Amino acid sequence: MTKLGFQLYSARNFQPYSEIFVKLGKAGYAEVEGFGGIYADLDETGLKNLRAELDKNGLRMASGHFSPDFLDGDVQKSLTIGKVLGMDSIYAPHIAADQRPTDAAGWRAFGKRLHEMSKPYKDAGFEFGWHNHDFEFVKQADGSLPIEQIFEAAPDISWEADIAWVIRGGGDPFAWIEKLGPRITAVHVKDIAPAGENKNEDGWADVGHGTVPWAKLLKALAGTKAKHFVVEHDNPSDVDRLITRSIASFKSF
């Protein structure tokens, strides 16, 4: 049985995290994925306290999201966070709209930046990759896609595939799993509500309660190196419902 993780960003509006950890442990999650808002400002003592709290609930922070600026601007702090919390994988998750390149050359340059950025983390033994949203799958003027430019310019980084964002970007997830499967080391497991539903949750849904064909996708992903499957919902209205229903669905696939 694949271990299931939970992206803690999904619970940012349901504080404190100490209570979320208890809920996740009781529900049967084995891992969590962190993000900058949780650990960027913690000193080493704070990081050790966070680690102890996770340990107490049978959870491991196996992977973490760090902004590109933090990753190449504060390498030592990023490495310390990853080591103290026990991560094996580090992913750059996003680039703000006002910083995004507008052509293929710009995306290639960004990919080259990720390639250079990855070196100290890979040297320290971490998996290092990029986590997508939808904008990487939107064609540019020359017909190329940012996702292609990024990975061509960064041949040695991996992909944390956020399947629902691939779909929202107009991509066929099965085609991309086939094309970039060797790069996939982690997967975001999230779902999209039927058109017009869950507007108060930005159109997302609990895993197994939307339109994403997860049973088939997991079979396609079985041939990749994905070792972390991470539940995420960008704007849930009920975190308890999200936690319990998503893991129940995942176990049934």
Protein backbone atom coordinates (compact mmCIF):
# COMPACT_ATOMS: atom_id res chain seq x y z
CA MET A 1 0.00 0.00 0.00
CA THR A 2 1.39 3.37 -1.04
CA LYS A 3 1.92 5.75 1.85
CA LEU A 4 -0.26 8.82 1.60
CA GLY A 5 0.91 12.31 2.45
CA PHE A 6 -0.89 15.60 3.04
CA GLN A 7 0.22 19.04 1.82
CA LEU A 8 -0.06 21.24 4.91
CA TYR A 9 -0.87 24.29 2.77
CA SER A 10 -4.35 22.74 2.51
CA ALA A 11 -4.84 23.33 6.25
CA ARG A 12 -3.41 26.86 6.46
CA ASN A 13 -6.84 28.32 7.30
CA PHE A 14 -7.53 25.74 10.03
CA GLN A 15 -5.06 26.47 12.79
CA PRO A 16 -3.32 25.37 14.94
CA TYR A 17 -1.22 22.85 13.03
CA SER A 18 -0.74 20.86 16.23
CA GLU A 19 -4.41 19.86 15.96
CA ILE A 20 -4.07 19.11 12.24
CA PHE A 21 -1.19 16.72 12.98
CA VAL A 22 -3.38 14.82 15.43
CA LYS A 23 -6.18 14.54 12.86
CA LEU A 24 -3.78 13.36 10.15
CA GLY A 25 -2.17 10.76 12.38
CA LYS A 26 -5.53 9.37 13.49
CA ALA A 27 -6.81 9.26 9.89
CA GLY A 28 -3.87 7.11 8.82
CA TYR A 29 -1.61 9.51 6.92
CA ALA A 30 2.08 8.62 7.08
CA GLU A 31 3.65 11.76 5.63
CA VAL A 32 3.15 15.48 5.30
CA GLU A 33 4.56 17.97 2.84
CA GLY A 34 5.62 21.33 4.19
CA PHE A 35 5.73 24.79 2.64
CA GLY A 36 7.57 28.00 3.39
CA GLY A 37 4.87 29.48 5.60
CA ILE A 38 5.45 26.71 8.12
CA TYR A 39 9.20 26.70 8.48
CA ALA A 40 10.88 29.61 6.69
CA ASP A 41 10.98 31.76 9.83
CA LEU A 42 11.82 29.03 12.37
CA ASP A 43 15.23 28.81 14.01
CA GLU A 44 16.81 25.41 14.61
CA THR A 45 15.08 25.01 17.98
CA GLY A 46 11.72 25.75 16.35
CA LEU A 47 12.46 23.23 13.61
CA LYS A 48 13.36 20.56 16.17
CA ASN A 49 10.13 21.26 18.06
CA LEU A 50 8.15 20.90 14.82
CA ARG A 51 9.93 17.63 14.08
CA ALA A 52 9.10 16.34 17.57
CA GLU A 53 5.44 17.19 17.13
CA LEU A 54 5.32 15.35 13.81
CA ASP A 55 7.11 12.34 15.31
CA LYS A 56 4.62 12.25 18.18
CA ASN A 57 1.78 11.83 15.68
CA GLY A 58 3.51 9.21 13.55
CA LEU A 59 4.11 11.65 10.72
CA ARG A 60 7.17 12.33 8.61
CA MET A 61 7.73 15.53 6.65
CA ALA A 62 9.12 13.68 3.66
CA SER A 63 9.07 16.61 1.25
CA GLY A 64 8.85 20.36 1.28
CA HIS A 65 8.07 23.32 -0.93
CA PHE A 66 10.51 26.23 -0.97
CA SER A 67 10.22 29.31 -3.18
CA PRO A 68 12.89 29.65 -5.88
CA ASP A 69 14.11 32.90 -4.31
CA PHE A 70 14.52 31.21 -0.92
CA LEU A 71 16.26 28.19 -2.44
CA ASP A 72 18.94 30.17 -4.21
CA GLY A 73 18.99 33.09 -1.77
CA ASP A 74 19.36 31.13 1.47
CA VAL A 75 20.89 27.78 0.63
CA GLN A 76 22.21 27.00 4.11
CA LYS A 77 18.88 27.75 5.80
CA SER A 78 17.05 25.63 3.23
CA LEU A 79 19.44 22.71 3.78
CA THR A 80 19.07 23.01 7.56
CA ILE A 81 15.28 22.96 7.29
CA GLY A 82 15.37 19.87 5.09
CA LYS A 83 17.84 18.02 7.31
CA VAL A 84 16.29 18.82 10.69
CA LEU A 85 12.78 17.96 9.52
CA GLY A 86 13.95 14.73 7.87
CA MET A 87 13.00 15.50 4.27
CA ASP A 88 14.30 13.51 1.34
CA SER A 89 12.79 15.72 -1.38
CA ILE A 90 12.74 19.47 -2.03
CA TYR A 91 10.50 21.08 -4.64
CA ALA A 92 10.29 24.59 -6.00
CA PRO A 93 6.53 25.06 -6.28
CA HIS A 94 5.62 28.25 -8.06
CA ILE A 95 6.67 31.48 -9.67
CA ALA A 96 4.53 34.58 -9.20
CA ALA A 97 2.59 35.88 -12.19
CA ASP A 98 4.57 39.12 -12.36
CA GLN A 99 7.86 37.16 -12.48
CA ARG A 100 6.87 34.65 -15.14
CA PRO A 101 8.72 34.71 -18.46
CA THR A 102 6.68 35.60 -21.53
CA ASP A 103 8.49 33.57 -24.19
CA ALA A 104 10.33 30.30 -24.73
CA ALA A 105 13.76 31.86 -24.20
CA GLY A 106 12.64 33.23 -20.86
CA TRP A 107 11.34 29.84 -19.73
CA ARG A 108 14.56 28.18 -20.83
CA ALA A 109 16.47 30.70 -18.74
CA PHE A 110 14.24 29.90 -15.77
CA GLY A 111 14.88 26.19 -16.31
CA LYS A 112 18.62 26.88 -16.35
CA ARG A 113 18.21 28.76 -13.07
CA LEU A 114 16.47 25.72 -11.55
CA HIS A 115 19.25 23.48 -12.86
CA GLU A 116 21.91 25.61 -11.16
CA MET A 117 19.77 26.00 -8.03
CA SER A 118 19.45 22.24 -7.65
CA LYS A 119 23.16 21.50 -7.31
CA PRO A 120 23.79 22.07 -3.57
CA TYR A 121 20.61 20.20 -2.68
CA LYS A 122 21.38 17.23 -4.91
CA ASP A 123 24.95 17.24 -3.58
CA ALA A 124 23.49 17.02 -0.05
CA GLY A 125 21.44 13.97 -1.05
CA PHE A 126 18.03 15.55 -1.64
CA GLU A 127 15.73 14.88 -4.55
CA PHE A 128 15.17 18.25 -6.22
CA GLY A 129 12.38 19.14 -8.59
CA TRP A 130 9.73 21.47 -9.90
CA HIS A 131 6.04 21.38 -8.94
CA ASN A 132 3.69 22.62 -11.67
CA HIS A 133 0.54 24.71 -11.78
CA ASP A 134 -1.56 25.35 -14.90
CA PHE A 135 0.48 28.09 -16.58
CA GLU A 136 3.26 25.72 -17.66
CA PHE A 137 0.79 24.00 -20.02
CA VAL A 138 -0.45 27.13 -21.82
CA LYS A 139 1.03 27.51 -25.31
CA GLN A 140 3.29 30.43 -26.06
CA ALA A 141 3.39 32.41 -29.29
CA ASP A 142 5.71 29.87 -30.95
CA GLY A 143 3.49 26.94 -29.94
CA SER A 144 5.88 25.62 -27.31
CA LEU A 145 4.98 25.03 -23.67
CA PRO A 146 6.80 26.36 -20.59
CA ILE A 147 6.88 22.85 -19.08
CA GLU A 148 8.95 21.70 -22.08
CA GLN A 149 11.35 24.63 -21.82
CA ILE A 150 11.85 24.19 -18.08
CA PHE A 151 12.73 20.51 -18.25
CA GLU A 152 14.85 20.79 -21.39
CA ALA A 153 16.99 23.42 -19.68
CA ALA A 154 17.10 21.50 -16.40
CA PRO A 155 17.84 17.92 -17.49
CA ASP A 156 18.65 16.59 -14.03
CA ILE A 157 15.74 17.84 -11.93
CA SER A 158 12.62 15.84 -11.20
CA TRP A 159 8.92 16.62 -11.45
CA GLU A 160 6.35 16.73 -8.70
CA ALA A 161 3.34 16.27 -10.95
CA ASP A 162 0.25 18.17 -9.85
CA ILE A 163 -2.18 16.28 -12.06
CA ALA A 164 -5.23 18.47 -11.42
CA TRP A 165 -3.30 21.58 -12.43
CA VAL A 166 -2.16 19.82 -15.62
CA ILE A 167 -5.84 19.25 -16.44
CA ARG A 168 -6.78 22.84 -15.59
CA GLY A 169 -3.99 24.00 -17.89
CA GLY A 170 -5.56 22.06 -20.76
CA GLY A 171 -3.10 19.17 -20.72
CA ASP A 172 -3.79 15.46 -21.03
CA PRO A 173 -2.32 13.98 -17.83
CA PHE A 174 -1.87 10.51 -19.32
CA ALA A 175 0.13 11.92 -22.24
CA TRP A 176 2.33 13.92 -19.87
CA ILE A 177 2.87 10.94 -17.57
CA GLU A 178 4.03 9.02 -20.63
CA LYS A 179 6.24 11.85 -21.86
CA LEU A 180 7.80 12.91 -18.56
CA GLY A 181 7.27 9.76 -16.51
CA PRO A 182 10.99 9.22 -15.85
CA ARG A 183 11.09 12.66 -14.19
CA ILE A 184 8.17 12.07 -11.81
CA THR A 185 9.26 11.51 -8.19
CA ALA A 186 6.15 12.83 -6.39
CA VAL A 187 2.50 13.42 -7.23
CA HIS A 188 -0.10 15.82 -5.89
CA VAL A 189 -3.36 13.96 -5.45
CA LYS A 190 -6.18 16.47 -5.79
CA ASP A 191 -9.54 16.56 -7.48
CA ILE A 192 -11.63 18.94 -9.58
CA ALA A 193 -15.34 19.42 -8.89
CA PRO A 194 -17.83 19.04 -11.76
CA ALA A 195 -18.29 22.28 -13.71
CA GLY A 196 -20.15 24.88 -11.70
CA GLU A 197 -19.89 23.03 -8.38
CA ASN A 198 -17.89 23.86 -5.24
CA LYS A 199 -17.48 27.50 -6.22
CA ASN A 200 -16.80 28.34 -2.57
CA GLU A 201 -13.78 26.00 -2.84
CA ASP A 202 -12.49 27.47 -6.12
CA GLY A 203 -13.87 24.46 -7.99
CA TRP A 204 -11.69 21.89 -6.22
CA ALA A 205 -13.00 18.73 -4.58
CA ASP A 206 -11.95 16.14 -2.02
CA VAL A 207 -10.03 13.28 -3.63
CA GLY A 208 -12.45 10.79 -5.17
CA HIS A 209 -15.34 13.25 -5.12
CA GLY A 210 -14.54 15.05 -8.36
CA THR A 211 -13.86 14.38 -12.03
CA VAL A 212 -10.18 13.38 -12.03
CA PRO A 213 -9.86 9.65 -12.93
CA TRP A 214 -7.56 8.72 -10.07
CA ALA A 215 -7.93 4.94 -10.26
CA LYS A 216 -6.66 4.96 -13.86
CA LEU A 217 -4.03 7.62 -13.15
CA LEU A 218 -2.51 5.63 -10.29
CA LYS A 219 -2.09 2.68 -12.65
CA ALA A 220 -0.32 4.93 -15.15
CA LEU A 221 1.86 6.40 -12.39
CA ALA A 222 2.85 2.95 -11.13
CA GLY A 223 5.53 2.84 -13.84
CA THR A 224 7.22 6.02 -12.59
CA LYS A 225 9.62 6.66 -9.70
CA ALA A 226 6.92 8.50 -7.71
CA LYS A 227 7.53 7.79 -4.04
CA HIS A 228 5.36 10.50 -2.47
CA PHE A 229 1.63 10.83 -3.11
CA VAL A 230 0.37 14.01 -1.49
CA VAL A 231 -3.27 14.98 -0.95
CA GLU A 232 -3.92 18.66 -1.64
CA HIS A 233 -6.92 20.93 -1.85
CA ASP A 234 -6.16 24.61 -2.44
CA ASN A 235 -9.20 26.01 -0.64
CA PRO A 236 -11.23 23.49 1.40
CA SER A 237 -14.22 24.69 3.42
CA ASP A 238 -14.01 21.72 5.82
CA VAL A 239 -10.58 20.31 6.62
CA ASP A 240 -11.91 17.34 8.61
CA ARG A 241 -13.99 16.27 5.62
CA LEU A 242 -11.01 16.69 3.29
CA ILE A 243 -8.71 14.64 5.52
CA THR A 244 -11.06 11.71 6.08
CA ARG A 245 -12.75 11.47 2.68
CA SER A 246 -9.54 11.80 0.68
CA ILE A 247 -7.67 8.97 2.40
CA ALA A 248 -10.76 6.75 2.24
CA SER A 249 -10.99 7.34 -1.52
CA PHE A 250 -7.28 6.77 -2.05
CA LYS A 251 -7.44 3.42 -0.28
CA SER A 252 -10.31 2.36 -2.51
CA PHE A 253 -8.58 3.06 -5.83
